[in-house]
Amino acid sequence: MAVHACTTEATAEVDLWVARDEMGDLESGVHRVVSDVDGAGNVEVTGITDVTPRATDIRVTATVRFRTDERDPDAVRETLVEGFGVMDATVLVAEALDA
């Protein structure tokens, strides 16, 4: 019996903090935060829906697409919310891809 590695492509709505003093635009800040999450790769920001500026950071709600080794949507969510700067996440789609 052959064992196949599996990757999941997920789309999620994520609430996170982006530092105000970082280089680049808001989209690149969201990309940086999600890319730094252990277990999230090939991150693409597909939309930003809410922005709340604060003194030292910006609270952002964004839709992101990324790849992870997690298969279960709840595990994909946990992967995201364990990341630094990520407050909450809702997994919209999680589809297994054959590697």
Protein backbone atom coordinates (compact mmCIF):
# COMPACT_ATOMS: atom_id res chain seq x y z
CA MET A 1 0.00 0.00 0.00
CA ALA A 2 1.48 3.32 -1.07
CA VAL A 3 1.40 6.30 1.24
CA HIS A 4 0.66 9.62 -0.43
CA ALA A 5 1.64 12.92 1.08
CA CYS A 6 -1.27 15.30 1.16
CA THR A 7 -1.41 19.05 1.26
CA THR A 8 -4.52 21.06 1.90
CA GLU A 9 -5.28 24.31 0.15
CA ALA A 10 -7.34 26.45 2.49
CA THR A 11 -9.09 29.78 2.29
CA ALA A 12 -9.81 31.57 5.55
CA GLU A 13 -11.00 34.87 6.89
CA VAL A 14 -8.47 35.99 9.47
CA ASP A 15 -8.52 38.75 12.11
CA LEU A 16 -4.98 39.83 12.88
CA TRP A 17 -2.67 42.66 13.94
CA VAL A 18 -0.25 44.30 11.52
CA ALA A 19 2.49 46.51 12.95
CA ARG A 20 2.31 50.14 11.81
CA ASP A 21 6.07 50.59 11.50
CA GLU A 22 6.73 47.72 9.06
CA MET A 23 7.84 48.34 5.49
CA GLY A 24 5.35 47.81 2.68
CA ASP A 25 1.60 48.14 2.34
CA LEU A 26 -1.21 46.61 4.38
CA GLU A 27 -1.49 43.56 2.10
CA SER A 28 2.21 42.77 2.51
CA GLY A 29 1.80 43.15 6.29
CA VAL A 30 -1.04 40.60 6.30
CA HIS A 31 1.05 38.32 4.09
CA ARG A 32 3.98 38.57 6.51
CA VAL A 33 1.85 37.73 9.59
CA VAL A 34 0.22 34.68 7.98
CA SER A 35 3.47 33.50 6.38
CA ASP A 36 5.07 33.49 9.83
CA VAL A 37 2.47 31.00 11.12
CA ASP A 38 4.06 27.57 11.57
CA GLY A 39 2.36 25.23 9.12
CA ALA A 40 1.10 27.86 6.65
CA GLY A 41 2.83 28.13 3.27
CA ASN A 42 2.28 29.61 -0.19
CA VAL A 43 0.24 32.43 1.32
CA GLU A 44 -1.83 34.68 -0.94
CA VAL A 45 -3.90 37.60 0.36
CA THR A 46 -7.12 37.64 -1.68
CA GLY A 47 -8.92 40.49 0.06
CA ILE A 48 -8.98 42.95 2.94
CA THR A 49 -12.42 43.70 4.33
CA ASP A 50 -11.90 45.65 7.55
CA VAL A 51 -9.18 47.95 8.85
CA THR A 52 -9.03 49.53 12.32
CA PRO A 53 -5.95 51.70 12.97
CA ARG A 54 -4.59 51.93 16.52
CA ALA A 55 -1.61 53.73 18.02
CA THR A 56 1.02 51.03 17.39
CA ASP A 57 -0.70 48.56 15.06
CA ILE A 58 -3.60 48.01 12.70
CA ARG A 59 -6.32 45.44 13.23
CA VAL A 60 -7.16 43.84 9.89
CA THR A 61 -9.73 41.34 8.67
CA ALA A 62 -8.47 39.66 5.52
CA THR A 63 -9.17 36.67 3.33
CA VAL A 64 -6.12 34.52 2.67
CA ARG A 65 -5.39 31.36 0.71
CA PHE A 66 -2.56 29.11 1.85
CA ARG A 67 -1.34 25.54 2.01
CA THR A 68 -1.00 23.41 5.10
CA ASP A 69 -0.49 19.77 6.00
CA GLU A 70 -3.62 19.82 8.17
CA ARG A 71 -6.68 18.21 6.61
CA ASP A 72 -9.46 18.93 9.09
CA PRO A 73 -10.91 22.49 8.94
CA ASP A 74 -10.79 22.75 12.74
CA ALA A 75 -7.09 21.82 12.71
CA VAL A 76 -6.48 24.36 9.92
CA ARG A 77 -8.14 27.02 12.09
CA GLU A 78 -6.02 26.03 15.10
CA THR A 79 -2.89 26.30 12.98
CA LEU A 80 -3.79 29.89 12.14
CA VAL A 81 -4.88 31.10 15.58
CA GLU A 82 -1.70 29.76 17.17
CA GLY A 83 0.29 32.22 15.04
CA PHE A 84 1.64 35.42 16.55
CA GLY A 85 -0.61 38.36 15.75
CA VAL A 86 -3.59 36.23 14.67
CA MET A 87 -6.65 36.77 16.86
CA ASP A 88 -9.25 34.63 15.12
CA ALA A 89 -9.85 32.70 11.92
CA THR A 90 -12.77 31.16 10.07
CA VAL A 91 -11.91 28.48 7.53
CA LEU A 92 -14.06 28.98 4.46
CA VAL A 93 -12.64 26.17 2.29
CA ALA A 94 -10.17 23.36 2.97
CA GLU A 95 -9.52 21.06 0.01
CA ALA A 96 -7.02 18.21 0.01
CA LEU A 97 -4.52 18.23 -2.85
CA ASP A 98 -2.61 15.12 -3.89
CA ALA A 99 1.13 15.67 -3.77
